[in-house]
């Protein structure tokens, strides 16, 4: 799943090289600011080197609240040679939702229709959509289900929370089932997928599920998807994890011009999602160099 600030090209390529198990990586959303695309978003696609596995697909995600902004974004996606694009109707952060972007757009059916109306101008791109149940209530997504059903979409990913919940509280599986039944496109599940067992449970409960999208669960356990595919859900490969962290450090060193402070600060954020105990977490967060951080990680996973 696209996670702003985490799943950039350095992370995606490192994960594909070391772990795999993923059929599609989605970029953090690209957006328009001041009438133009953000340079940071553009660079994330420009510097996305080919994955080692040619079967892995990279899908840009876009976020907009108007046809004009959507056209700017899709022109860039098309000109960059991408054949697939994901539309963000799910971001819960107030900086976006209060502007009727992300899940905030679900409160305004006219805006939803306006943005989705651009799809017809790009016949060479396959579109998908990621959404929440709504911002304030699940009634919001149900109110735009028909508009979504009329759009040319490959699949719809549903995160069964409201925007106002952010990532707190339980997922609403009844709300997911209701929206899934209302959506005529293939449906992908996203939300609190933190183990291979959870994926299997979703498969059993929803046998017609198109796929599962993993976000924070992969940040916490980069080997989650590969473990599900192999069936080996109990073992933990220490050397592989350390290799992954080292590749991340090398990638961010290039990105940040060898600024150890910035690399260290970036790496520390990933461990906010980890399952390390408090003592190990404290030592990681107190690390004063990249080498010290990697050493503390090594100690924590003995």
C-alpha atoms as a PDB file:
ATOM      1  CA  UNK A   1       0.000   0.000   0.000  1.00  0.00           C
ATOM      2  CA  UNK A   2       1.140   3.588  -0.487  1.00  0.00           C
ATOM      3  CA  UNK A   3       2.196   5.143   2.824  1.00  0.00           C
ATOM      4  CA  UNK A   4       3.251   8.759   2.602  1.00  0.00           C
ATOM      5  CA  UNK A   5       6.765   9.216   3.951  1.00  0.00           C
ATOM      6  CA  UNK A   6       7.546   5.492   4.003  1.00  0.00           C
ATOM      7  CA  UNK A   7       7.020   3.545   0.785  1.00  0.00           C
ATOM      8  CA  UNK A   8       9.170   5.700  -1.480  1.00  0.00           C
ATOM      9  CA  UNK A   9      11.395   4.347  -4.266  1.00  0.00           C
ATOM     10  CA  UNK A  10      14.237   3.493  -1.863  1.00  0.00           C
ATOM     11  CA  UNK A  11      11.945   1.378   0.294  1.00  0.00           C
ATOM     12  CA  UNK A  12      10.098  -0.262  -2.609  1.00  0.00           C
ATOM     13  CA  UNK A  13      13.251  -1.310  -4.404  1.00  0.00           C
ATOM     14  CA  UNK A  14      14.920  -2.567  -1.230  1.00  0.00           C
ATOM     15  CA  UNK A  15      11.860  -4.610  -0.343  1.00  0.00           C
ATOM     16  CA  UNK A  16      11.586  -6.114  -3.814  1.00  0.00           C
ATOM     17  CA  UNK A  17      15.271  -7.069  -3.812  1.00  0.00           C
ATOM     18  CA  UNK A  18      15.354  -8.671  -0.375  1.00  0.00           C
ATOM     19  CA  UNK A  19      11.875 -10.002   0.316  1.00  0.00           C
ATOM     20  CA  UNK A  20       9.478  -9.921  -2.629  1.00  0.00           C
ATOM     21  CA  UNK A  21       6.121 -11.636  -2.318  1.00  0.00           C
ATOM     22  CA  UNK A  22       4.391  -8.521  -3.674  1.00  0.00           C
ATOM     23  CA  UNK A  23       2.731  -8.361  -7.101  1.00  0.00           C
ATOM     24  CA  UNK A  24       2.127  -4.589  -7.104  1.00  0.00           C
ATOM     25  CA  UNK A  25       3.733  -1.666  -5.298  1.00  0.00           C
ATOM     26  CA  UNK A  26       1.720   1.568  -5.159  1.00  0.00           C
ATOM     27  CA  UNK A  27       3.479   4.923  -4.917  1.00  0.00           C
ATOM     28  CA  UNK A  28       2.518   7.463  -2.269  1.00  0.00           C
ATOM     29  CA  UNK A  29      -0.017   9.787  -3.887  1.00  0.00           C
ATOM     30  CA  UNK A  30       1.018  12.431  -6.393  1.00  0.00           C
ATOM     31  CA  UNK A  31      -0.771  15.746  -5.966  1.00  0.00           C
ATOM     32  CA  UNK A  32      -1.108  19.218  -7.422  1.00  0.00           C
ATOM     33  CA  UNK A  33       0.053  22.203  -5.383  1.00  0.00           C
ATOM     34  CA  UNK A  34      -0.092  25.759  -6.680  1.00  0.00           C
ATOM     35  CA  UNK A  35      -1.251  24.602 -10.091  1.00  0.00           C
ATOM     36  CA  UNK A  36       1.650  22.194 -10.654  1.00  0.00           C
ATOM     37  CA  UNK A  37       2.795  18.746  -9.621  1.00  0.00           C
ATOM     38  CA  UNK A  38       5.096  18.549  -6.615  1.00  0.00           C
ATOM     39  CA  UNK A  39       8.729  17.983  -7.626  1.00  0.00           C
ATOM     40  CA  UNK A  40       9.140  15.486  -4.772  1.00  0.00           C
ATOM     41  CA  UNK A  41       6.352  13.312  -6.184  1.00  0.00           C
ATOM     42  CA  UNK A  42       7.789  13.479  -9.691  1.00  0.00           C
ATOM     43  CA  UNK A  43      11.245  12.490  -8.451  1.00  0.00           C
ATOM     44  CA  UNK A  44       9.839   9.447  -6.659  1.00  0.00           C
ATOM     45  CA  UNK A  45       8.762   8.080 -10.031  1.00  0.00           C
ATOM     46  CA  UNK A  46      11.795   9.277 -11.988  1.00  0.00           C
ATOM     47  CA  UNK A  47      14.179   7.556  -9.587  1.00  0.00           C
ATOM     48  CA  UNK A  48      12.167   4.336  -9.369  1.00  0.00           C
ATOM     49  CA  UNK A  49      14.661   1.921 -10.893  1.00  0.00           C
ATOM     50  CA  UNK A  50      13.356  -1.305 -12.365  1.00  0.00           C
ATOM     51  CA  UNK A  51      12.628  -3.954  -9.765  1.00  0.00           C
ATOM     52  CA  UNK A  52      14.744  -7.120  -9.827  1.00  0.00           C
ATOM     53  CA  UNK A  53      11.591  -9.156 -10.411  1.00  0.00           C
ATOM     54  CA  UNK A  54      10.117  -8.245 -13.816  1.00  0.00           C
ATOM     55  CA  UNK A  55       6.745  -9.566 -12.651  1.00  0.00           C
ATOM     56  CA  UNK A  56       6.387  -6.751 -10.118  1.00  0.00           C
ATOM     57  CA  UNK A  57       4.238  -3.807 -11.193  1.00  0.00           C
ATOM     58  CA  UNK A  58       4.660  -0.221  -9.962  1.00  0.00           C
ATOM     59  CA  UNK A  59       1.402   1.754  -9.900  1.00  0.00           C
ATOM     60  CA  UNK A  60       1.367   5.544  -9.405  1.00  0.00           C
ATOM     61  CA  UNK A  61      -1.377   6.818  -7.121  1.00  0.00           C
ATOM     62  CA  UNK A  62      -2.989  10.242  -7.617  1.00  0.00           C
ATOM     63  CA  UNK A  63      -5.141  12.421  -5.368  1.00  0.00           C
ATOM     64  CA  UNK A  64      -7.384  15.247  -6.593  1.00  0.00           C
ATOM     65  CA  UNK A  65     -10.701  17.009  -5.948  1.00  0.00           C
ATOM     66  CA  UNK A  66     -11.331  18.447  -9.423  1.00  0.00           C
ATOM     67  CA  UNK A  67     -11.211  17.417 -13.073  1.00  0.00           C
ATOM     68  CA  UNK A  68      -8.563  20.076 -13.789  1.00  0.00           C
ATOM     69  CA  UNK A  69      -6.141  18.742 -11.176  1.00  0.00           C
ATOM     70  CA  UNK A  70      -6.910  15.170 -12.185  1.00  0.00           C
ATOM     71  CA  UNK A  71      -6.073  15.939 -15.823  1.00  0.00           C
ATOM     72  CA  UNK A  72      -2.695  17.423 -14.844  1.00  0.00           C
ATOM     73  CA  UNK A  73      -1.888  14.308 -12.845  1.00  0.00           C
ATOM     74  CA  UNK A  74      -3.037  11.844 -15.470  1.00  0.00           C
ATOM     75  CA  UNK A  75      -1.173  13.674 -18.227  1.00  0.00           C
ATOM     76  CA  UNK A  76       2.010  13.156 -16.228  1.00  0.00           C
ATOM     77  CA  UNK A  77       1.231   9.487 -15.554  1.00  0.00           C
ATOM     78  CA  UNK A  78       0.530   8.858 -19.235  1.00  0.00           C
ATOM     79  CA  UNK A  79       3.586  10.794 -20.447  1.00  0.00           C
ATOM     80  CA  UNK A  80       5.755   8.818 -18.009  1.00  0.00           C
ATOM     81  CA  UNK A  81       4.701   5.596 -19.711  1.00  0.00           C
ATOM     82  CA  UNK A  82       2.657   4.041 -16.901  1.00  0.00           C
ATOM     83  CA  UNK A  83      -0.207   1.808 -17.960  1.00  0.00           C
ATOM     84  CA  UNK A  84      -1.967   1.704 -14.578  1.00  0.00           C
ATOM     85  CA  UNK A  85      -3.021   4.361 -12.074  1.00  0.00           C
ATOM     86  CA  UNK A  86      -4.689   4.256  -8.649  1.00  0.00           C
ATOM     87  CA  UNK A  87      -7.050   7.005  -7.484  1.00  0.00           C
ATOM     88  CA  UNK A  88      -6.927   7.979  -3.807  1.00  0.00           C
ATOM     89  CA  UNK A  89     -10.312   8.381  -2.138  1.00  0.00           C
ATOM     90  CA  UNK A  90      -8.942   7.088   1.147  1.00  0.00           C
ATOM     91  CA  UNK A  91      -6.335   9.407   2.698  1.00  0.00           C
ATOM     92  CA  UNK A  92      -7.632  10.403   6.167  1.00  0.00           C
ATOM     93  CA  UNK A  93      -5.159  13.160   7.007  1.00  0.00           C
ATOM     94  CA  UNK A  94      -6.857  16.534   7.589  1.00  0.00           C
ATOM     95  CA  UNK A  95      -4.422  18.368   5.273  1.00  0.00           C
ATOM     96  CA  UNK A  96      -6.078  16.438   2.437  1.00  0.00           C
ATOM     97  CA  UNK A  97      -9.541  15.435   3.678  1.00  0.00           C
ATOM     98  CA  UNK A  98     -10.489  18.968   4.736  1.00  0.00           C
ATOM     99  CA  UNK A  99      -9.875  20.041   1.129  1.00  0.00           C
ATOM    100  CA  UNK A 100     -12.220  17.305  -0.123  1.00  0.00           C
ATOM    101  CA  UNK A 101      -9.323  15.148  -1.231  1.00  0.00           C
ATOM    102  CA  UNK A 102      -8.731  11.571  -0.137  1.00  0.00           C
ATOM    103  CA  UNK A 103     -11.635  10.267   1.924  1.00  0.00           C
ATOM    104  CA  UNK A 104     -12.937  13.833   2.222  1.00  0.00           C
ATOM    105  CA  UNK A 105     -14.164  13.705  -1.380  1.00  0.00           C
ATOM    106  CA  UNK A 106     -16.629  10.952  -0.427  1.00  0.00           C
ATOM    107  CA  UNK A 107     -18.734  13.663   1.230  1.00  0.00           C
ATOM    108  CA  UNK A 108     -19.310  15.292  -2.157  1.00  0.00           C
ATOM    109  CA  UNK A 109     -20.800  13.036  -4.901  1.00  0.00           C
ATOM    110  CA  UNK A 110     -20.447  15.794  -7.514  1.00  0.00           C
ATOM    111  CA  UNK A 111     -16.701  15.982  -6.921  1.00  0.00           C
ATOM    112  CA  UNK A 112     -16.445  12.200  -7.075  1.00  0.00           C
ATOM    113  CA  UNK A 113     -18.203  12.211 -10.451  1.00  0.00           C
ATOM    114  CA  UNK A 114     -16.038  15.110 -11.664  1.00  0.00           C
ATOM    115  CA  UNK A 115     -12.758  13.351 -10.827  1.00  0.00           C
ATOM    116  CA  UNK A 116     -13.823   9.944 -12.132  1.00  0.00           C
ATOM    117  CA  UNK A 117     -15.140  11.552 -15.295  1.00  0.00           C
ATOM    118  CA  UNK A 118     -11.547  12.089 -16.448  1.00  0.00           C
ATOM    119  CA  UNK A 119     -10.927   8.368 -16.802  1.00  0.00           C
ATOM    120  CA  UNK A 120     -12.492   8.226 -20.256  1.00  0.00           C
ATOM    121  CA  UNK A 121      -9.825  10.578 -21.645  1.00  0.00           C
ATOM    122  CA  UNK A 122      -7.068   8.033 -20.922  1.00  0.00           C
ATOM    123  CA  UNK A 123      -8.067   4.770 -22.628  1.00  0.00           C
ATOM    124  CA  UNK A 124      -4.535   3.344 -22.466  1.00  0.00           C
ATOM    125  CA  UNK A 125      -4.423   3.467 -18.649  1.00  0.00           C
ATOM    126  CA  UNK A 126      -6.047   0.874 -16.387  1.00  0.00           C
ATOM    127  CA  UNK A 127      -7.511   2.533 -13.319  1.00  0.00           C
ATOM    128  CA  UNK A 128      -8.161   1.347  -9.797  1.00  0.00           C
ATOM    129  CA  UNK A 129      -9.458   3.184  -6.745  1.00  0.00           C
ATOM    130  CA  UNK A 130      -8.618   3.073  -3.037  1.00  0.00           C
ATOM    131  CA  UNK A 131     -11.248   4.296  -0.593  1.00  0.00           C
ATOM    132  CA  UNK A 132     -12.472   4.317   2.988  1.00  0.00           C
ATOM    133  CA  UNK A 133     -16.010   3.835   4.244  1.00  0.00           C
ATOM    134  CA  UNK A 134     -16.345   7.602   4.415  1.00  0.00           C
ATOM    135  CA  UNK A 135     -15.062  10.527   6.435  1.00  0.00           C
ATOM    136  CA  UNK A 136     -17.869  11.033   8.966  1.00  0.00           C
ATOM    137  CA  UNK A 137     -20.066   7.993   8.250  1.00  0.00           C
ATOM    138  CA  UNK A 138     -20.291   4.862   6.132  1.00  0.00           C
ATOM    139  CA  UNK A 139     -23.350   6.353   4.432  1.00  0.00           C
ATOM    140  CA  UNK A 140     -20.970   8.543   2.425  1.00  0.00           C
ATOM    141  CA  UNK A 141     -19.387   5.658   0.522  1.00  0.00           C
ATOM    142  CA  UNK A 142     -22.752   4.019  -0.074  1.00  0.00           C
ATOM    143  CA  UNK A 143     -24.012   7.302  -1.563  1.00  0.00           C
ATOM    144  CA  UNK A 144     -21.274   7.283  -4.225  1.00  0.00           C
ATOM    145  CA  UNK A 145     -21.247   3.527  -4.914  1.00  0.00           C
ATOM    146  CA  UNK A 146     -23.266   3.903  -8.116  1.00  0.00           C
ATOM    147  CA  UNK A 147     -20.902   6.590  -9.427  1.00  0.00           C
ATOM    148  CA  UNK A 148     -17.926   4.317  -8.696  1.00  0.00           C
ATOM    149  CA  UNK A 149     -19.674   1.373 -10.349  1.00  0.00           C
ATOM    150  CA  UNK A 150     -20.102   3.369 -13.560  1.00  0.00           C
ATOM    151  CA  UNK A 151     -16.374   4.174 -13.754  1.00  0.00           C
ATOM    152  CA  UNK A 152     -13.938   2.045 -15.744  1.00  0.00           C
ATOM    153  CA  UNK A 153     -12.034   0.506 -12.828  1.00  0.00           C
ATOM    154  CA  UNK A 154      -9.939  -2.635 -12.665  1.00  0.00           C
ATOM    155  CA  UNK A 155     -10.658  -3.020  -8.924  1.00  0.00           C
ATOM    156  CA  UNK A 156     -11.600  -1.054  -5.805  1.00  0.00           C
ATOM    157  CA  UNK A 157      -9.588  -1.277  -2.587  1.00  0.00           C
ATOM    158  CA  UNK A 158     -11.562  -0.734   0.614  1.00  0.00           C
ATOM    159  CA  UNK A 159     -10.080   0.227   3.971  1.00  0.00           C
ATOM    160  CA  UNK A 160     -12.960  -0.314   6.430  1.00  0.00           C
ATOM    161  CA  UNK A 161     -12.452   2.682   8.668  1.00  0.00           C
ATOM    162  CA  UNK A 162     -13.795   6.228   8.611  1.00  0.00           C
ATOM    163  CA  UNK A 163     -11.468   9.099   7.911  1.00  0.00           C
ATOM    164  CA  UNK A 164     -12.074  10.631  11.332  1.00  0.00           C
ATOM    165  CA  UNK A 165     -10.722   7.420  12.893  1.00  0.00           C
ATOM    166  CA  UNK A 166      -7.380   7.823  11.127  1.00  0.00           C
ATOM    167  CA  UNK A 167      -5.764   4.470  12.015  1.00  0.00           C
ATOM    168  CA  UNK A 168      -7.280   4.057  15.470  1.00  0.00           C
ATOM    169  CA  UNK A 169     -10.094   1.796  16.627  1.00  0.00           C
ATOM    170  CA  UNK A 170     -11.189  -1.450  15.054  1.00  0.00           C
ATOM    171  CA  UNK A 171     -11.843  -1.973  11.368  1.00  0.00           C
ATOM    172  CA  UNK A 172     -15.569  -2.162  10.553  1.00  0.00           C
ATOM    173  CA  UNK A 173     -15.984  -5.548   8.904  1.00  0.00           C
ATOM    174  CA  UNK A 174     -19.759  -5.152   8.617  1.00  0.00           C
ATOM    175  CA  UNK A 175     -19.199  -1.857   6.842  1.00  0.00           C
ATOM    176  CA  UNK A 176     -16.673  -3.559   4.579  1.00  0.00           C
ATOM    177  CA  UNK A 177     -19.115  -6.322   3.705  1.00  0.00           C
ATOM    178  CA  UNK A 178     -21.902  -3.835   2.951  1.00  0.00           C
ATOM    179  CA  UNK A 179     -19.733  -1.693   0.693  1.00  0.00           C
ATOM    180  CA  UNK A 180     -18.171  -4.738  -0.966  1.00  0.00           C
ATOM    181  CA  UNK A 181     -21.661  -5.969  -1.837  1.00  0.00           C
ATOM    182  CA  UNK A 182     -22.571  -2.552  -3.253  1.00  0.00           C
ATOM    183  CA  UNK A 183     -19.442  -2.291  -5.427  1.00  0.00           C
ATOM    184  CA  UNK A 184     -19.673  -4.133  -8.758  1.00  0.00           C
ATOM    185  CA  UNK A 185     -15.932  -4.095  -9.427  1.00  0.00           C
ATOM    186  CA  UNK A 186     -13.512  -6.687  -7.987  1.00  0.00           C
ATOM    187  CA  UNK A 187     -12.702  -5.702  -4.386  1.00  0.00           C
ATOM    188  CA  UNK A 188      -9.341  -5.625  -2.594  1.00  0.00           C
ATOM    189  CA  UNK A 189      -9.157  -5.587   1.210  1.00  0.00           C
ATOM    190  CA  UNK A 190      -6.826  -3.225   3.080  1.00  0.00           C
ATOM    191  CA  UNK A 191      -6.535  -2.524   6.793  1.00  0.00           C
ATOM    192  CA  UNK A 192      -4.753  -4.130   9.789  1.00  0.00           C
ATOM    193  CA  UNK A 193      -3.274  -6.946   7.700  1.00  0.00           C
ATOM    194  CA  UNK A 194      -0.522  -7.762  10.170  1.00  0.00           C
ATOM    195  CA  UNK A 195       0.044 -11.493   9.702  1.00  0.00           C
ATOM    196  CA  UNK A 196      -0.194 -14.317   7.183  1.00  0.00           C
ATOM    197  CA  UNK A 197      -2.923 -15.786   9.388  1.00  0.00           C
ATOM    198  CA  UNK A 198      -4.963 -12.626   8.898  1.00  0.00           C
ATOM    199  CA  UNK A 199      -4.675 -12.974   5.110  1.00  0.00           C
ATOM    200  CA  UNK A 200      -5.860 -16.579   5.326  1.00  0.00           C
ATOM    201  CA  UNK A 201      -8.806 -15.528   7.489  1.00  0.00           C
ATOM    202  CA  UNK A 202      -9.806 -12.914   4.915  1.00  0.00           C
ATOM    203  CA  UNK A 203      -9.569 -15.512   2.149  1.00  0.00           C
ATOM    204  CA  UNK A 204     -11.826 -17.867   4.071  1.00  0.00           C
ATOM    205  CA  UNK A 205     -14.363 -15.163   4.929  1.00  0.00           C
ATOM    206  CA  UNK A 206     -14.398 -13.568   1.467  1.00  0.00           C
ATOM    207  CA  UNK A 207     -13.512 -16.272  -1.090  1.00  0.00           C
ATOM    208  CA  UNK A 208     -14.215 -13.907  -4.000  1.00  0.00           C
ATOM    209  CA  UNK A 209     -11.799 -11.253  -2.717  1.00  0.00           C
ATOM    210  CA  UNK A 210      -9.648  -9.994  -5.589  1.00  0.00           C
ATOM    211  CA  UNK A 211      -6.517  -9.395  -3.509  1.00  0.00           C
ATOM    212  CA  UNK A 212      -5.165  -8.093  -0.214  1.00  0.00           C
ATOM    213  CA  UNK A 213      -3.237  -4.825   0.082  1.00  0.00           C
ATOM    214  CA  UNK A 214      -0.747  -4.582   2.951  1.00  0.00           C
ATOM    215  CA  UNK A 215       0.544  -1.297   4.359  1.00  0.00           C
ATOM    216  CA  UNK A 216       1.680  -0.898   7.957  1.00  0.00           C
ATOM    217  CA  UNK A 217       1.922  -4.676   8.307  1.00  0.00           C
ATOM    218  CA  UNK A 218       4.759  -4.766   5.765  1.00  0.00           C
ATOM    219  CA  UNK A 219       6.572  -1.899   7.498  1.00  0.00           C
ATOM    220  CA  UNK A 220       6.392  -3.853  10.760  1.00  0.00           C
ATOM    221  CA  UNK A 221       7.306  -7.189   9.149  1.00  0.00           C
ATOM    222  CA  UNK A 222       8.856  -6.853   5.683  1.00  0.00           C
ATOM    223  CA  UNK A 223       8.730 -10.623   5.233  1.00  0.00           C
ATOM    224  CA  UNK A 224       4.964 -10.899   5.786  1.00  0.00           C
ATOM    225  CA  UNK A 225       3.897 -11.386   2.162  1.00  0.00           C
ATOM    226  CA  UNK A 226       6.742 -13.771   1.356  1.00  0.00           C
ATOM    227  CA  UNK A 227       5.907 -15.804   4.482  1.00  0.00           C
ATOM    228  CA  UNK A 228       2.277 -16.069   3.397  1.00  0.00           C
ATOM    229  CA  UNK A 229       3.272 -17.308  -0.055  1.00  0.00           C
ATOM    230  CA  UNK A 230       5.837 -19.819   1.244  1.00  0.00           C
ATOM    231  CA  UNK A 231       3.680 -20.966   4.153  1.00  0.00           C
ATOM    232  CA  UNK A 232       6.618 -20.471   6.528  1.00  0.00           C
ATOM    233  CA  UNK A 233       5.011 -18.108   9.029  1.00  0.00           C
ATOM    234  CA  UNK A 234       7.025 -18.999  12.126  1.00  0.00           C
ATOM    235  CA  UNK A 235      10.706 -18.493  11.253  1.00  0.00           C
ATOM    236  CA  UNK A 236      12.450 -15.121  11.133  1.00  0.00           C
ATOM    237  CA  UNK A 237      15.491 -14.640   8.903  1.00  0.00           C
ATOM    238  CA  UNK A 238      17.830 -12.413  10.905  1.00  0.00           C
ATOM    239  CA  UNK A 239      20.437 -12.018   8.160  1.00  0.00           C
ATOM    240  CA  UNK A 240      17.815 -11.065   5.591  1.00  0.00           C
ATOM    241  CA  UNK A 241      16.359  -8.384   7.881  1.00  0.00           C
ATOM    242  CA  UNK A 242      19.783  -6.871   8.547  1.00  0.00           C
ATOM    243  CA  UNK A 243      20.531  -6.929   4.811  1.00  0.00           C
ATOM    244  CA  UNK A 244      17.273  -5.067   4.218  1.00  0.00           C
ATOM    245  CA  UNK A 245      18.104  -2.356   6.779  1.00  0.00           C
ATOM    246  CA  UNK A 246      21.589  -1.955   5.296  1.00  0.00           C
ATOM    247  CA  UNK A 247      20.190  -1.557   1.773  1.00  0.00           C
ATOM    248  CA  UNK A 248      17.724   1.051   3.076  1.00  0.00           C
ATOM    249  CA  UNK A 249      20.594   2.923   4.740  1.00  0.00           C
ATOM    250  CA  UNK A 250      22.643   2.857   1.525  1.00  0.00           C
ATOM    251  CA  UNK A 251      19.681   4.054  -0.545  1.00  0.00           C
ATOM    252  CA  UNK A 252      18.840   6.930   1.770  1.00  0.00           C
ATOM    253  CA  UNK A 253      22.512   7.928   1.980  1.00  0.00           C
ATOM    254  CA  UNK A 254      22.417   8.485  -1.793  1.00  0.00           C
ATOM    255  CA  UNK A 255      19.069  10.271  -1.595  1.00  0.00           C
ATOM    256  CA  UNK A 256      20.171  12.593   1.225  1.00  0.00           C
ATOM    257  CA  UNK A 257      23.663  13.318  -0.046  1.00  0.00           C
ATOM    258  CA  UNK A 258      25.356  11.205   2.642  1.00  0.00           C
ATOM    259  CA  UNK A 259      23.844  13.244   5.475  1.00  0.00           C
ATOM    260  CA  UNK A 260      24.036  10.715   8.297  1.00  0.00           C
ATOM    261  CA  UNK A 261      21.673  12.767  10.441  1.00  0.00           C
ATOM    262  CA  UNK A 262      18.945  12.634   7.790  1.00  0.00           C
ATOM    263  CA  UNK A 263      19.515   8.934   7.050  1.00  0.00           C
ATOM    264  CA  UNK A 264      19.386   8.099  10.744  1.00  0.00           C
ATOM    265  CA  UNK A 265      16.250  10.173  11.252  1.00  0.00           C
ATOM    266  CA  UNK A 266      14.580   8.459   8.283  1.00  0.00           C
ATOM    267  CA  UNK A 267      15.466   4.935   9.412  1.00  0.00           C
ATOM    268  CA  UNK A 268      14.210   5.519  12.943  1.00  0.00           C
ATOM    269  CA  UNK A 269      10.688   6.257  11.673  1.00  0.00           C
ATOM    270  CA  UNK A 270      10.316   2.727  10.302  1.00  0.00           C
ATOM    271  CA  UNK A 271      10.790   1.218  13.739  1.00  0.00           C
ATOM    272  CA  UNK A 272       7.719   3.035  15.072  1.00  0.00           C
ATOM    273  CA  UNK A 273       5.770   0.194  13.440  1.00  0.00           C
ATOM    274  CA  UNK A 274       8.042  -2.625  14.571  1.00  0.00           C
ATOM    275  CA  UNK A 275       7.287  -5.354  17.097  1.00  0.00           C
ATOM    276  CA  UNK A 276      10.529  -4.882  19.044  1.00  0.00           C
ATOM    277  CA  UNK A 277      10.160  -4.660  22.805  1.00  0.00           C
ATOM    278  CA  UNK A 278      10.413  -1.299  24.560  1.00  0.00           C
ATOM    279  CA  UNK A 279      14.037  -1.788  25.639  1.00  0.00           C
ATOM    280  CA  UNK A 280      15.223  -2.485  22.098  1.00  0.00           C
ATOM    281  CA  UNK A 281      13.087   0.341  20.710  1.00  0.00           C
ATOM    282  CA  UNK A 282      14.619   2.753  23.193  1.00  0.00           C
ATOM    283  CA  UNK A 283      18.136   1.766  22.165  1.00  0.00           C
ATOM    284  CA  UNK A 284      17.257   2.110  18.467  1.00  0.00           C
ATOM    285  CA  UNK A 285      15.736   5.556  18.936  1.00  0.00           C
ATOM    286  CA  UNK A 286      18.749   6.696  21.010  1.00  0.00           C
ATOM    287  CA  UNK A 287      21.220   5.575  18.334  1.00  0.00           C
ATOM    288  CA  UNK A 288      23.622   8.351  17.351  1.00  0.00           C
ATOM    289  CA  UNK A 289      24.819   6.858  14.077  1.00  0.00           C
ATOM    290  CA  UNK A 290      23.568   4.520  11.384  1.00  0.00           C
ATOM    291  CA  UNK A 291      26.131   1.909  12.400  1.00  0.00           C
ATOM    292  CA  UNK A 292      24.960   2.108  16.025  1.00  0.00           C
ATOM    293  CA  UNK A 293      21.315   1.770  14.936  1.00  0.00           C
ATOM    294  CA  UNK A 294      22.048  -1.322  12.849  1.00  0.00           C
ATOM    295  CA  UNK A 295      24.029  -2.762  15.755  1.00  0.00           C
ATOM    296  CA  UNK A 296      21.108  -2.195  18.123  1.00  0.00           C
ATOM    297  CA  UNK A 297      18.747  -3.827  15.635  1.00  0.00           C
ATOM    298  CA  UNK A 298      21.088  -6.813  15.435  1.00  0.00           C
ATOM    299  CA  UNK A 299      21.084  -7.122  19.219  1.00  0.00           C
ATOM    300  CA  UNK A 300      17.294  -6.893  19.289  1.00  0.00           C
ATOM    301  CA  UNK A 301      16.804  -9.783  16.889  1.00  0.00           C
ATOM    302  CA  UNK A 302      19.330 -12.261  18.311  1.00  0.00           C
END
